[in-house]
Amino acid sequence: MHAFDILGDPVRRRILELLADGEQTSGAITDVIRSEFGISQPGVSQHLRVLRNNGFASVRADGTRRFYAAEPARLHEVDVWLDRFRRFWDQRLDALGTELARGKRAARTNADRSSKGTTP
């Protein structure tokens, strides 16, 4: 299955967001997904299985608990695909950075003038 087929589902994307913060128990994941999406525990388990079977998540057992973790390799595949499109937003982000720096510089200049009792 292609990475975007897996990530096209909002429940699976949310599960990956949870796993991006670190390893999570299946129970903790289920609690969040059930509250946000209103799906059953078996439904959450199916999404976890899809993520695991397609290399986006791994699972380890600790007694009766199952701990899930994100697997970065498949996400790297998405990153590589997106790389060709970064030029569309990198230029805009650079321009935004320049404007933010100008604004900070102007604010410092105005603050300096105010503290010296002069006006612009």
PDB file of N, CA and C in Angstrom:
ATOM      1  N   MET A   1       0.849  -1.175   0.000  1.00  0.00           N
ATOM      2  CA  MET A   1       0.000   0.000   0.000  1.00  0.00           C
ATOM      3  C   MET A   1       0.902   1.248   0.000  1.00  0.00           C
ATOM      4  N   HIS A   2       0.534   2.252  -0.754  1.00  0.00           N
ATOM      5  CA  HIS A   2       1.317   3.482  -0.821  1.00  0.00           C
ATOM      6  C   HIS A   2       1.138   4.273   0.477  1.00  0.00           C
ATOM      7  N   ALA A   3       2.165   4.986   0.857  1.00  0.00           N
ATOM      8  CA  ALA A   3       2.154   5.740   2.115  1.00  0.00           C
ATOM      9  C   ALA A   3       0.958   6.687   2.205  1.00  0.00           C
ATOM     10  N   PHE A   4       0.613   7.337   1.101  1.00  0.00           N
ATOM     11  CA  PHE A   4      -0.493   8.297   1.152  1.00  0.00           C
ATOM     12  C   PHE A   4      -1.853   7.608   1.264  1.00  0.00           C
ATOM     13  N   ASP A   5      -1.934   6.345   0.847  1.00  0.00           N
ATOM     14  CA  ASP A   5      -3.160   5.586   1.078  1.00  0.00           C
ATOM     15  C   ASP A   5      -3.367   5.380   2.571  1.00  0.00           C
ATOM     16  N   ILE A   6      -2.288   5.121   3.274  1.00  0.00           N
ATOM     17  CA  ILE A   6      -2.355   4.917   4.721  1.00  0.00           C
ATOM     18  C   ILE A   6      -2.649   6.248   5.419  1.00  0.00           C
ATOM     19  N   LEU A   7      -1.926   7.302   5.034  1.00  0.00           N
ATOM     20  CA  LEU A   7      -2.035   8.600   5.704  1.00  0.00           C
ATOM     21  C   LEU A   7      -3.282   9.376   5.289  1.00  0.00           C
ATOM     22  N   GLY A   8      -3.992   8.894   4.298  1.00  0.00           N
ATOM     23  CA  GLY A   8      -5.200   9.574   3.853  1.00  0.00           C
ATOM     24  C   GLY A   8      -6.341   9.482   4.858  1.00  0.00           C
ATOM     25  N   ASP A   9      -6.224   8.578   5.789  1.00  0.00           N
ATOM     26  CA  ASP A   9      -7.272   8.407   6.789  1.00  0.00           C
ATOM     27  C   ASP A   9      -6.986   9.274   8.007  1.00  0.00           C
ATOM     28  N   PRO A  10      -7.934  10.121   8.431  1.00  0.00           N
ATOM     29  CA  PRO A  10      -7.685  11.026   9.559  1.00  0.00           C
ATOM     30  C   PRO A  10      -7.443  10.299  10.885  1.00  0.00           C
ATOM     31  N   VAL A  11      -8.031   9.132  11.064  1.00  0.00           N
ATOM     32  CA  VAL A  11      -7.804   8.384  12.306  1.00  0.00           C
ATOM     33  C   VAL A  11      -6.353   7.906  12.364  1.00  0.00           C
ATOM     34  N   ARG A  12      -5.855   7.369  11.263  1.00  0.00           N
ATOM     35  CA  ARG A  12      -4.463   6.893  11.251  1.00  0.00           C
ATOM     36  C   ARG A  12      -3.484   8.055  11.395  1.00  0.00           C
ATOM     37  N   ARG A  13      -3.805   9.197  10.774  1.00  0.00           N
ATOM     38  CA  ARG A  13      -2.932  10.364  10.958  1.00  0.00           C
ATOM     39  C   ARG A  13      -2.903  10.777  12.422  1.00  0.00           C
ATOM     40  N   ARG A  14      -4.051  10.769  13.071  1.00  0.00           N
ATOM     41  CA  ARG A  14      -4.108  11.159  14.492  1.00  0.00           C
ATOM     42  C   ARG A  14      -3.326  10.182  15.359  1.00  0.00           C
ATOM     43  N   ILE A  15      -3.438   8.893  15.058  1.00  0.00           N
ATOM     44  CA  ILE A  15      -2.661   7.902  15.810  1.00  0.00           C
ATOM     45  C   ILE A  15      -1.170   8.182  15.656  1.00  0.00           C
ATOM     46  N   LEU A  16      -0.739   8.489  14.451  1.00  0.00           N
ATOM     47  CA  LEU A  16       0.683   8.806  14.247  1.00  0.00           C
ATOM     48  C   LEU A  16       1.086  10.076  14.992  1.00  0.00           C
ATOM     49  N   GLU A  17       0.187  11.050  15.060  1.00  0.00           N
ATOM     50  CA  GLU A  17       0.480  12.256  15.848  1.00  0.00           C
ATOM     51  C   GLU A  17       0.690  11.888  17.310  1.00  0.00           C
ATOM     52  N   LEU A  18      -0.134  11.003  17.826  1.00  0.00           N
ATOM     53  CA  LEU A  18       0.034  10.562  19.215  1.00  0.00           C
ATOM     54  C   LEU A  18       1.364   9.839  19.397  1.00  0.00           C
ATOM     55  N   LEU A  19       1.719   9.009  18.438  1.00  0.00           N
ATOM     56  CA  LEU A  19       2.965   8.243  18.530  1.00  0.00           C
ATOM     57  C   LEU A  19       4.198   9.115  18.317  1.00  0.00           C
ATOM     58  N   ALA A  20       4.015  10.256  17.677  1.00  0.00           N
ATOM     59  CA  ALA A  20       5.153  11.171  17.478  1.00  0.00           C
ATOM     60  C   ALA A  20       5.657  11.702  18.813  1.00  0.00           C
ATOM     61  N   ASP A  21       4.796  11.717  19.826  1.00  0.00           N
ATOM     62  CA  ASP A  21       5.192  12.175  21.154  1.00  0.00           C
ATOM     63  C   ASP A  21       5.872  11.087  21.967  1.00  0.00           C
ATOM     64  N   GLY A  22       5.934   9.886  21.422  1.00  0.00           N
ATOM     65  CA  GLY A  22       6.589   8.777  22.106  1.00  0.00           C
ATOM     66  C   GLY A  22       5.694   7.557  22.154  1.00  0.00           C
ATOM     67  N   GLU A  23       6.265   6.503  22.639  1.00  0.00           N
ATOM     68  CA  GLU A  23       5.566   5.228  22.727  1.00  0.00           C
ATOM     69  C   GLU A  23       4.280   5.364  23.552  1.00  0.00           C
ATOM     70  N   GLN A  24       3.215   4.709  23.084  1.00  0.00           N
ATOM     71  CA  GLN A  24       1.912   4.779  23.742  1.00  0.00           C
ATOM     72  C   GLN A  24       1.329   3.375  23.875  1.00  0.00           C
ATOM     73  N   THR A  25       0.601   3.139  24.930  1.00  0.00           N
ATOM     74  CA  THR A  25      -0.098   1.865  25.052  1.00  0.00           C
ATOM     75  C   THR A  25      -1.304   1.862  24.121  1.00  0.00           C
ATOM     76  N   SER A  26      -1.711   0.668  23.727  1.00  0.00           N
ATOM     77  CA  SER A  26      -2.898   0.576  22.873  1.00  0.00           C
ATOM     78  C   SER A  26      -4.116   1.140  23.600  1.00  0.00           C
ATOM     79  N   GLY A  27      -4.183   0.975  24.918  1.00  0.00           N
ATOM     80  CA  GLY A  27      -5.304   1.517  25.685  1.00  0.00           C
ATOM     81  C   GLY A  27      -5.349   3.029  25.656  1.00  0.00           C
ATOM     82  N   ALA A  28      -4.183   3.671  25.800  1.00  0.00           N
ATOM     83  CA  ALA A  28      -4.130   5.141  25.762  1.00  0.00           C
ATOM     84  C   ALA A  28      -4.529   5.655  24.384  1.00  0.00           C
ATOM     85  N   ILE A  29      -4.045   4.990  23.346  1.00  0.00           N
ATOM     86  CA  ILE A  29      -4.398   5.389  21.978  1.00  0.00           C
ATOM     87  C   ILE A  29      -5.900   5.237  21.772  1.00  0.00           C
ATOM     88  N   THR A  30      -6.427   4.097  22.200  1.00  0.00           N
ATOM     89  CA  THR A  30      -7.850   3.826  22.039  1.00  0.00           C
ATOM     90  C   THR A  30      -8.696   4.873  22.750  1.00  0.00           C
ATOM     91  N   ASP A  31      -8.306   5.243  23.964  1.00  0.00           N
ATOM     92  CA  ASP A  31      -9.070   6.254  24.712  1.00  0.00           C
ATOM     93  C   ASP A  31      -9.161   7.568  23.944  1.00  0.00           C
ATOM     94  N   VAL A  32      -8.038   8.018  23.395  1.00  0.00           N
ATOM     95  CA  VAL A  32      -8.034   9.294  22.657  1.00  0.00           C
ATOM     96  C   VAL A  32      -8.858   9.182  21.387  1.00  0.00           C
ATOM     97  N   ILE A  33      -8.632   8.128  20.626  1.00  0.00           N
ATOM     98  CA  ILE A  33      -9.322   7.972  19.339  1.00  0.00           C
ATOM     99  C   ILE A  33     -10.826   7.792  19.543  1.00  0.00           C
ATOM    100  N   ARG A  34     -11.199   7.033  20.556  1.00  0.00           N
ATOM    101  CA  ARG A  34     -12.629   6.850  20.825  1.00  0.00           C
ATOM    102  C   ARG A  34     -13.285   8.176  21.185  1.00  0.00           C
ATOM    103  N   SER A  35     -12.597   8.993  21.989  1.00  0.00           N
ATOM    104  CA  SER A  35     -13.192  10.267  22.396  1.00  0.00           C
ATOM    105  C   SER A  35     -13.247  11.271  21.245  1.00  0.00           C
ATOM    106  N   GLU A  36     -12.248  11.238  20.374  1.00  0.00           N
ATOM    107  CA  GLU A  36     -12.201  12.214  19.280  1.00  0.00           C
ATOM    108  C   GLU A  36     -13.007  11.796  18.050  1.00  0.00           C
ATOM    109  N   PHE A  37     -13.061  10.487  17.784  1.00  0.00           N
ATOM    110  CA  PHE A  37     -13.704  10.021  16.556  1.00  0.00           C
ATOM    111  C   PHE A  37     -14.946   9.165  16.799  1.00  0.00           C
ATOM    112  N   GLY A  38     -15.142   8.745  18.040  1.00  0.00           N
ATOM    113  CA  GLY A  38     -16.326   7.959  18.362  1.00  0.00           C
ATOM    114  C   GLY A  38     -16.341   6.566  17.756  1.00  0.00           C
ATOM    115  N   ILE A  39     -15.184   5.983  17.538  1.00  0.00           N
ATOM    116  CA  ILE A  39     -15.160   4.626  16.993  1.00  0.00           C
ATOM    117  C   ILE A  39     -14.841   3.621  18.099  1.00  0.00           C
ATOM    118  N   SER A  40     -15.189   2.397  17.864  1.00  0.00           N
ATOM    119  CA  SER A  40     -15.050   1.350  18.880  1.00  0.00           C
ATOM    120  C   SER A  40     -13.602   0.899  19.038  1.00  0.00           C
ATOM    121  N   GLN A  41     -13.352   0.169  20.124  1.00  0.00           N
ATOM    122  CA  GLN A  41     -12.014  -0.381  20.366  1.00  0.00           C
ATOM    123  C   GLN A  41     -11.587  -1.298  19.217  1.00  0.00           C
ATOM    124  N   PRO A  42     -12.463  -2.186  18.705  1.00  0.00           N
ATOM    125  CA  PRO A  42     -12.043  -2.996  17.560  1.00  0.00           C
ATOM    126  C   PRO A  42     -11.713  -2.149  16.328  1.00  0.00           C
ATOM    127  N   GLY A  43     -12.410  -1.043  16.149  1.00  0.00           N
ATOM    128  CA  GLY A  43     -12.105  -0.146  15.031  1.00  0.00           C
ATOM    129  C   GLY A  43     -10.729   0.478  15.177  1.00  0.00           C
ATOM    130  N   VAL A  44     -10.399   0.900  16.388  1.00  0.00           N
ATOM    131  CA  VAL A  44      -9.069   1.458  16.642  1.00  0.00           C
ATOM    132  C   VAL A  44      -8.014   0.383  16.404  1.00  0.00           C
ATOM    133  N   SER A  45      -8.282  -0.822  16.860  1.00  0.00           N
ATOM    134  CA  SER A  45      -7.340  -1.931  16.659  1.00  0.00           C
ATOM    135  C   SER A  45      -7.077  -2.185  15.180  1.00  0.00           C
ATOM    136  N   GLN A  46      -8.106  -2.049  14.355  1.00  0.00           N
ATOM    137  CA  GLN A  46      -7.923  -2.238  12.911  1.00  0.00           C
ATOM    138  C   GLN A  46      -6.988  -1.170  12.342  1.00  0.00           C
ATOM    139  N   HIS A  47      -7.154   0.070  12.775  1.00  0.00           N
ATOM    140  CA  HIS A  47      -6.272   1.139  12.305  1.00  0.00           C
ATOM    141  C   HIS A  47      -4.834   0.897  12.771  1.00  0.00           C
ATOM    142  N   LEU A  48      -4.673   0.461  14.008  1.00  0.00           N
ATOM    143  CA  LEU A  48      -3.329   0.142  14.509  1.00  0.00           C
ATOM    144  C   LEU A  48      -2.705  -0.986  13.689  1.00  0.00           C
ATOM    145  N   ARG A  49      -3.505  -1.970  13.343  1.00  0.00           N
ATOM    146  CA  ARG A  49      -3.006  -3.094  12.540  1.00  0.00           C
ATOM    147  C   ARG A  49      -2.544  -2.613  11.163  1.00  0.00           C
ATOM    148  N   VAL A  50      -3.333  -1.735  10.533  1.00  0.00           N
ATOM    149  CA  VAL A  50      -2.951  -1.198   9.224  1.00  0.00           C
ATOM    150  C   VAL A  50      -1.622  -0.456   9.332  1.00  0.00           C
ATOM    151  N   LEU A  51      -1.468   0.378  10.360  1.00  0.00           N
ATOM    152  CA  LEU A  51      -0.212   1.111  10.555  1.00  0.00           C
ATOM    153  C   LEU A  51       0.955   0.149  10.775  1.00  0.00           C
ATOM    154  N   ARG A  52       0.728  -0.867  11.584  1.00  0.00           N
ATOM    155  CA  ARG A  52       1.782  -1.845  11.888  1.00  0.00           C
ATOM    156  C   ARG A  52       2.135  -2.668  10.648  1.00  0.00           C
ATOM    157  N   ASN A  53       1.139  -3.172   9.947  1.00  0.00           N
ATOM    158  CA  ASN A  53       1.380  -4.028   8.779  1.00  0.00           C
ATOM    159  C   ASN A  53       2.033  -3.291   7.619  1.00  0.00           C
ATOM    160  N   ASN A  54       1.899  -1.966   7.611  1.00  0.00           N
ATOM    161  CA  ASN A  54       2.481  -1.179   6.524  1.00  0.00           C
ATOM    162  C   ASN A  54       3.734  -0.422   6.939  1.00  0.00           C
ATOM    163  N   GLY A  55       4.269  -0.742   8.110  1.00  0.00           N
ATOM    164  CA  GLY A  55       5.558  -0.205   8.515  1.00  0.00           C
ATOM    165  C   GLY A  55       5.549   1.175   9.128  1.00  0.00           C
ATOM    166  N   PHE A  56       4.373   1.721   9.462  1.00  0.00           N
ATOM    167  CA  PHE A  56       4.311   3.043  10.071  1.00  0.00           C
ATOM    168  C   PHE A  56       4.407   2.991  11.590  1.00  0.00           C
ATOM    169  N   ALA A  57       4.141   1.818  12.154  1.00  0.00           N
ATOM    170  CA  ALA A  57       4.182   1.667  13.610  1.00  0.00           C
ATOM    171  C   ALA A  57       4.722   0.280  13.939  1.00  0.00           C
ATOM    172  N   SER A  58       5.305   0.186  15.115  1.00  0.00           N
ATOM    173  CA  SER A  58       5.751  -1.106  15.634  1.00  0.00           C
ATOM    174  C   SER A  58       5.061  -1.319  16.976  1.00  0.00           C
ATOM    175  N   VAL A  59       5.049  -2.557  17.405  1.00  0.00           N
ATOM    176  CA  VAL A  59       4.409  -2.886  18.674  1.00  0.00           C
ATOM    177  C   VAL A  59       5.328  -3.814  19.459  1.00  0.00           C
ATOM    178  N   ARG A  60       5.327  -3.626  20.760  1.00  0.00           N
ATOM    179  CA  ARG A  60       6.048  -4.546  21.643  1.00  0.00           C
ATOM    180  C   ARG A  60       5.127  -4.891  22.797  1.00  0.00           C
ATOM    181  N   ALA A  61       5.241  -6.134  23.208  1.00  0.00           N
ATOM    182  CA  ALA A  61       4.405  -6.614  24.307  1.00  0.00           C
ATOM    183  C   ALA A  61       5.180  -6.496  25.611  1.00  0.00           C
ATOM    184  N   ASP A  62       4.440  -6.113  26.648  1.00  0.00           N
ATOM    185  CA  ASP A  62       4.972  -6.098  28.010  1.00  0.00           C
ATOM    186  C   ASP A  62       3.870  -6.667  28.892  1.00  0.00           C
ATOM    187  N   GLY A  63       3.938  -7.967  29.108  1.00  0.00           N
ATOM    188  CA  GLY A  63       2.850  -8.637  29.805  1.00  0.00           C
ATOM    189  C   GLY A  63       1.612  -8.600  28.930  1.00  0.00           C
ATOM    190  N   THR A  64       0.527  -8.111  29.482  1.00  0.00           N
ATOM    191  CA  THR A  64      -0.724  -8.025  28.711  1.00  0.00           C
ATOM    192  C   THR A  64      -0.864  -6.702  27.974  1.00  0.00           C
ATOM    193  N   ARG A  65       0.065  -5.792  28.182  1.00  0.00           N
ATOM    194  CA  ARG A  65      -0.012  -4.474  27.537  1.00  0.00           C
ATOM    195  C   ARG A  65       0.754  -4.483  26.225  1.00  0.00           C
ATOM    196  N   ARG A  66       0.265  -3.699  25.287  1.00  0.00           N
ATOM    197  CA  ARG A  66       0.916  -3.531  23.987  1.00  0.00           C
ATOM    198  C   ARG A  66       1.324  -2.075  23.852  1.00  0.00           C
ATOM    199  N   PHE A  67       2.590  -1.854  23.545  1.00  0.00           N
ATOM    200  CA  PHE A  67       3.122  -0.505  23.369  1.00  0.00           C
ATOM    201  C   PHE A  67       3.410  -0.278  21.888  1.00  0.00           C
ATOM    202  N   TYR A  68       2.858   0.795  21.364  1.00  0.00           N
ATOM    203  CA  TYR A  68       3.064   1.152  19.961  1.00  0.00           C
ATOM    204  C   TYR A  68       4.033   2.324  19.868  1.00  0.00           C
ATOM    205  N   ALA A  69       4.818   2.309  18.792  1.00  0.00           N
ATOM    206  CA  ALA A  69       5.770   3.390  18.518  1.00  0.00           C
ATOM    207  C   ALA A  69       5.740   3.694  17.022  1.00  0.00           C
ATOM    208  N   ALA A  70       6.000   4.941  16.681  1.00  0.00           N
ATOM    209  CA  ALA A  70       6.082   5.332  15.267  1.00  0.00           C
ATOM    210  C   ALA A  70       7.377   4.794  14.683  1.00  0.00           C
ATOM    211  N   GLU A  71       7.311   4.414  13.423  1.00  0.00           N
ATOM    212  CA  GLU A  71       8.486   3.954  12.688  1.00  0.00           C
ATOM    213  C   GLU A  71       8.827   5.001  11.625  1.00  0.00           C
ATOM    214  N   PRO A  72       9.976   5.630  11.744  1.00  0.00           N
ATOM    215  CA  PRO A  72      10.292   6.761  10.871  1.00  0.00           C
ATOM    216  C   PRO A  72      10.595   6.406   9.416  1.00  0.00           C
ATOM    217  N   ALA A  73      10.924   5.166   9.107  1.00  0.00           N
ATOM    218  CA  ALA A  73      11.333   4.828   7.739  1.00  0.00           C
ATOM    219  C   ALA A  73      10.252   5.151   6.712  1.00  0.00           C
ATOM    220  N   ARG A  74       9.016   4.756   6.991  1.00  0.00           N
ATOM    221  CA  ARG A  74       7.939   5.028   6.034  1.00  0.00           C
ATOM    222  C   ARG A  74       7.626   6.518   5.966  1.00  0.00           C
ATOM    223  N   LEU A  75       7.790   7.229   7.066  1.00  0.00           N
ATOM    224  CA  LEU A  75       7.574   8.673   7.043  1.00  0.00           C
ATOM    225  C   LEU A  75       8.659   9.359   6.221  1.00  0.00           C
ATOM    226  N   HIS A  76       9.841   8.772   6.206  1.00  0.00           N
ATOM    227  CA  HIS A  76      10.923   9.314   5.369  1.00  0.00           C
ATOM    228  C   HIS A  76      10.525   9.230   3.892  1.00  0.00           C
ATOM    229  N   GLU A  77       9.841   8.169   3.526  1.00  0.00           N
ATOM    230  CA  GLU A  77       9.347   8.014   2.156  1.00  0.00           C
ATOM    231  C   GLU A  77       8.435   9.182   1.778  1.00  0.00           C
ATOM    232  N   VAL A  78       7.587   9.592   2.679  1.00  0.00           N
ATOM    233  CA  VAL A  78       6.696  10.730   2.451  1.00  0.00           C
ATOM    234  C   VAL A  78       7.518  12.014   2.337  1.00  0.00           C
ATOM    235  N   ASP A  79       8.501  12.160   3.212  1.00  0.00           N
ATOM    236  CA  ASP A  79       9.359  13.337   3.200  1.00  0.00           C
ATOM    237  C   ASP A  79      10.099  13.463   1.869  1.00  0.00           C
ATOM    238  N   VAL A  80      10.592  12.366   1.349  1.00  0.00           N
ATOM    239  CA  VAL A  80      11.295  12.375   0.064  1.00  0.00           C
ATOM    240  C   VAL A  80      10.345  12.823  -1.044  1.00  0.00           C
ATOM    241  N   TRP A  81       9.119  12.317  -1.021  1.00  0.00           N
ATOM    242  CA  TRP A  81       8.150  12.698  -2.036  1.00  0.00           C
ATOM    243  C   TRP A  81       7.826  14.180  -1.944  1.00  0.00           C
ATOM    244  N   LEU A  82       7.659  14.691  -0.721  1.00  0.00           N
ATOM    245  CA  LEU A  82       7.336  16.109  -0.527  1.00  0.00           C
ATOM    246  C   LEU A  82       8.482  17.035  -0.895  1.00  0.00           C
ATOM    247  N   ASP A  83       9.691  16.516  -0.897  1.00  0.00           N
ATOM    248  CA  ASP A  83      10.876  17.345  -1.145  1.00  0.00           C
ATOM    249  C   ASP A  83      10.775  18.122  -2.456  1.00  0.00           C
ATOM    250  N   ARG A  84      10.203  17.518  -3.468  1.00  0.00           N
ATOM    251  CA  ARG A  84      10.112  18.214  -4.758  1.00  0.00           C
ATOM    252  C   ARG A  84       9.167  19.410  -4.704  1.00  0.00           C
ATOM    253  N   PHE A  85       8.328  19.477  -3.692  1.00  0.00           N
ATOM    254  CA  PHE A  85       7.365  20.566  -3.579  1.00  0.00           C
ATOM    255  C   PHE A  85       7.794  21.648  -2.598  1.00  0.00           C
ATOM    256  N   ARG A  86       8.844  21.405  -1.856  1.00  0.00           N
ATOM    257  CA  ARG A  86       9.287  22.374  -0.843  1.00  0.00           C
ATOM    258  C   ARG A  86       9.636  23.729  -1.426  1.00  0.00           C
ATOM    259  N   ARG A  87      10.085  23.746  -2.636  1.00  0.00           N
ATOM    260  CA  ARG A  87      10.455  25.025  -3.260  1.00  0.00           C
ATOM    261  C   ARG A  87       9.270  25.979  -3.310  1.00  0.00           C
ATOM    262  N   PHE A  88       8.051  25.423  -3.328  1.00  0.00           N
ATOM    263  CA  PHE A  88       6.870  26.273  -3.371  1.00  0.00           C
ATOM    264  C   PHE A  88       6.659  27.040  -2.075  1.00  0.00           C
ATOM    265  N   TRP A  89       7.042  26.451  -0.959  1.00  0.00           N
ATOM    266  CA  TRP A  89       6.816  27.156   0.308  1.00  0.00           C
ATOM    267  C   TRP A  89       8.092  27.666   0.950  1.00  0.00           C
ATOM    268  N   ASP A  90       9.258  27.119   0.590  1.00  0.00           N
ATOM    269  CA  ASP A  90      10.506  27.597   1.193  1.00  0.00           C
ATOM    270  C   ASP A  90      10.732  29.075   0.914  1.00  0.00           C
ATOM    271  N   GLN A  91      10.468  29.492  -0.315  1.00  0.00           N
ATOM    272  CA  GLN A  91      10.661  30.897  -0.672  1.00  0.00           C
ATOM    273  C   GLN A  91       9.744  31.789   0.156  1.00  0.00           C
ATOM    274  N   ARG A  92       8.515  31.365   0.342  1.00  0.00           N
ATOM    275  CA  ARG A  92       7.571  32.157   1.128  1.00  0.00           C
ATOM    276  C   ARG A  92       7.972  32.190   2.594  1.00  0.00           C
ATOM    277  N   LEU A  93       8.479  31.067   3.108  1.00  0.00           N
ATOM    278  CA  LEU A  93       8.925  31.040   4.500  1.00  0.00           C
ATOM    279  C   LEU A  93      10.146  31.938   4.695  1.00  0.00           C
ATOM    280  N   ASP A  94      11.037  31.946   3.716  1.00  0.00           N
ATOM    281  CA  ASP A  94      12.190  32.839   3.791  1.00  0.00           C
ATOM    282  C   ASP A  94      11.737  34.300   3.810  1.00  0.00           C
ATOM    283  N   ALA A  95      10.774  34.639   2.969  1.00  0.00           N
ATOM    284  CA  ALA A  95      10.249  36.011   2.925  1.00  0.00           C
ATOM    285  C   ALA A  95       9.573  36.363   4.251  1.00  0.00           C
ATOM    286  N   LEU A  96       8.849  35.430   4.829  1.00  0.00           N
ATOM    287  CA  LEU A  96       8.219  35.670   6.120  1.00  0.00           C
ATOM    288  C   LEU A  96       9.280  35.921   7.190  1.00  0.00           C
ATOM    289  N   GLY A  97      10.350  35.140   7.165  1.00  0.00           N
ATOM    290  CA  GLY A  97      11.441  35.344   8.122  1.00  0.00           C
ATOM    291  C   GLY A  97      12.049  36.734   7.998  1.00  0.00           C
ATOM    292  N   THR A  98      12.215  37.197   6.770  1.00  0.00           N
ATOM    293  CA  THR A  98      12.755  38.541   6.538  1.00  0.00           C
ATOM    294  C   THR A  98      11.815  39.598   7.104  1.00  0.00           C
ATOM    295  N   GLU A  99      10.526  39.455   6.862  1.00  0.00           N
ATOM    296  CA  GLU A  99       9.553  40.433   7.367  1.00  0.00           C
ATOM    297  C   GLU A  99       9.496  40.426   8.887  1.00  0.00           C
ATOM    298  N   LEU A 100       9.578  39.253   9.496  1.00  0.00           N
ATOM    299  CA  LEU A 100       9.587  39.182  10.963  1.00  0.00           C
ATOM    300  C   LEU A 100      10.818  39.875  11.534  1.00  0.00           C
ATOM    301  N   ALA A 101      11.967  39.672  10.890  1.00  0.00           N
ATOM    302  CA  ALA A 101      13.190  40.332  11.347  1.00  0.00           C
ATOM    303  C   ALA A 101      13.071  41.844  11.223  1.00  0.00           C
ATOM    304  N   ARG A 102      12.474  42.329  10.126  1.00  0.00           N
ATOM    305  CA  ARG A 102      12.276  43.770   9.940  1.00  0.00           C
ATOM    306  C   ARG A 102      11.380  44.330  11.038  1.00  0.00           C
ATOM    307  N   GLY A 103      10.316  43.588  11.345  1.00  0.00           N
ATOM    308  CA  GLY A 103       9.392  44.036  12.390  1.00  0.00           C
ATOM    309  C   GLY A 103      10.066  44.110  13.752  1.00  0.00           C
ATOM    310  N   LYS A 104      10.884  43.120  14.076  1.00  0.00           N
ATOM    311  CA  LYS A 104      11.605  43.129  15.354  1.00  0.00           C
ATOM    312  C   LYS A 104      12.596  44.280  15.412  1.00  0.00           C
ATOM    313  N   ARG A 105      13.277  44.517  14.296  1.00  0.00           N
ATOM    314  CA  ARG A 105      14.248  45.612  14.237  1.00  0.00           C
ATOM    315  C   ARG A 105      13.546  46.952  14.419  1.00  0.00           C
ATOM    316  N   ALA A 106      12.393  47.119  13.763  1.00  0.00           N
ATOM    317  CA  ALA A 106      11.634  48.375  13.890  1.00  0.00           C
ATOM    318  C   ALA A 106      11.129  48.548  15.320  1.00  0.00           C
ATOM    319  N   ALA A 107      10.696  47.462  15.946  1.00  0.00           N
ATOM    320  CA  ALA A 107      10.213  47.546  17.329  1.00  0.00           C
ATOM    321  C   ALA A 107      11.347  47.940  18.271  1.00  0.00           C
ATOM    322  N   ARG A 108      12.534  47.372  18.055  1.00  0.00           N
ATOM    323  CA  ARG A 108      13.690  47.745  18.898  1.00  0.00           C
ATOM    324  C   ARG A 108      14.058  49.206  18.700  1.00  0.00           C
ATOM    325  N   THR A 109      14.038  49.660  17.465  1.00  0.00           N
ATOM    326  CA  THR A 109      14.368  51.054  17.169  1.00  0.00           C
ATOM    327  C   THR A 109      13.376  51.990  17.848  1.00  0.00           C
ATOM    328  N   ASN A 110      12.093  51.665  17.760  1.00  0.00           N
ATOM    329  CA  ASN A 110      11.069  52.494  18.402  1.00  0.00           C
ATOM    330  C   ASN A 110      11.209  52.463  19.923  1.00  0.00           C
ATOM    331  N   ALA A 111      11.540  51.320  20.487  1.00  0.00           N
ATOM    332  CA  ALA A 111      11.721  51.202  21.934  1.00  0.00           C
ATOM    333  C   ALA A 111      12.931  52.027  22.387  1.00  0.00           C
ATOM    334  N   ASP A 112      14.004  51.978  21.596  1.00  0.00           N
ATOM    335  CA  ASP A 112      15.193  52.763  21.930  1.00  0.00           C
ATOM    336  C   ASP A 112      14.883  54.266  21.896  1.00  0.00           C
ATOM    337  N   ARG A 113      14.145  54.688  20.903  1.00  0.00           N
ATOM    338  CA  ARG A 113      13.787  56.105  20.784  1.00  0.00           C
ATOM    339  C   ARG A 113      12.892  56.537  21.937  1.00  0.00           C
ATOM    340  N   SER A 114      11.961  55.656  22.302  1.00  0.00           N
ATOM    341  CA  SER A 114      11.054  55.975  23.411  1.00  0.00           C
ATOM    342  C   SER A 114      11.817  56.101  24.723  1.00  0.00           C
ATOM    343  N   SER A 115      12.780  55.210  24.938  1.00  0.00           N
ATOM    344  CA  SER A 115      13.521  55.253  26.198  1.00  0.00           C
ATOM    345  C   SER A 115      14.437  56.473  26.261  1.00  0.00           C
ATOM    346  N   LYS A 116      14.796  57.041  25.123  1.00  0.00           N
ATOM    347  CA  LYS A 116      15.651  58.244  25.078  1.00  0.00           C
ATOM    348  C   LYS A 116      14.811  59.503  25.022  1.00  0.00           C
ATOM    349  N   GLY A 117      13.502  59.340  24.969  1.00  0.00           N
ATOM    350  CA  GLY A 117      12.624  60.512  24.938  1.00  0.00           C
ATOM    351  C   GLY A 117      12.477  61.138  23.583  1.00  0.00           C
ATOM    352  N   THR A 118      12.893  60.433  22.530  1.00  0.00           N
ATOM    353  CA  THR A 118      12.723  60.961  21.168  1.00  0.00           C
ATOM    354  C   THR A 118      11.589  60.215  20.513  1.00  0.00           C
ATOM    355  N   THR A 119      11.044  60.812  19.491  1.00  0.00           N
ATOM    356  CA  THR A 119       9.961  60.170  18.738  1.00  0.00           C
ATOM    357  C   THR A 119      10.430  59.948  17.327  1.00  0.00           C
ATOM    358  N   PRO A 120       9.850  58.968  16.673  1.00  0.00           N
ATOM    359  CA  PRO A 120      10.259  58.658  15.280  1.00  0.00           C
ATOM    360  C   PRO A 120       9.918  59.748  14.302  1.00  0.00           C
TER     361      PRO A 120
END
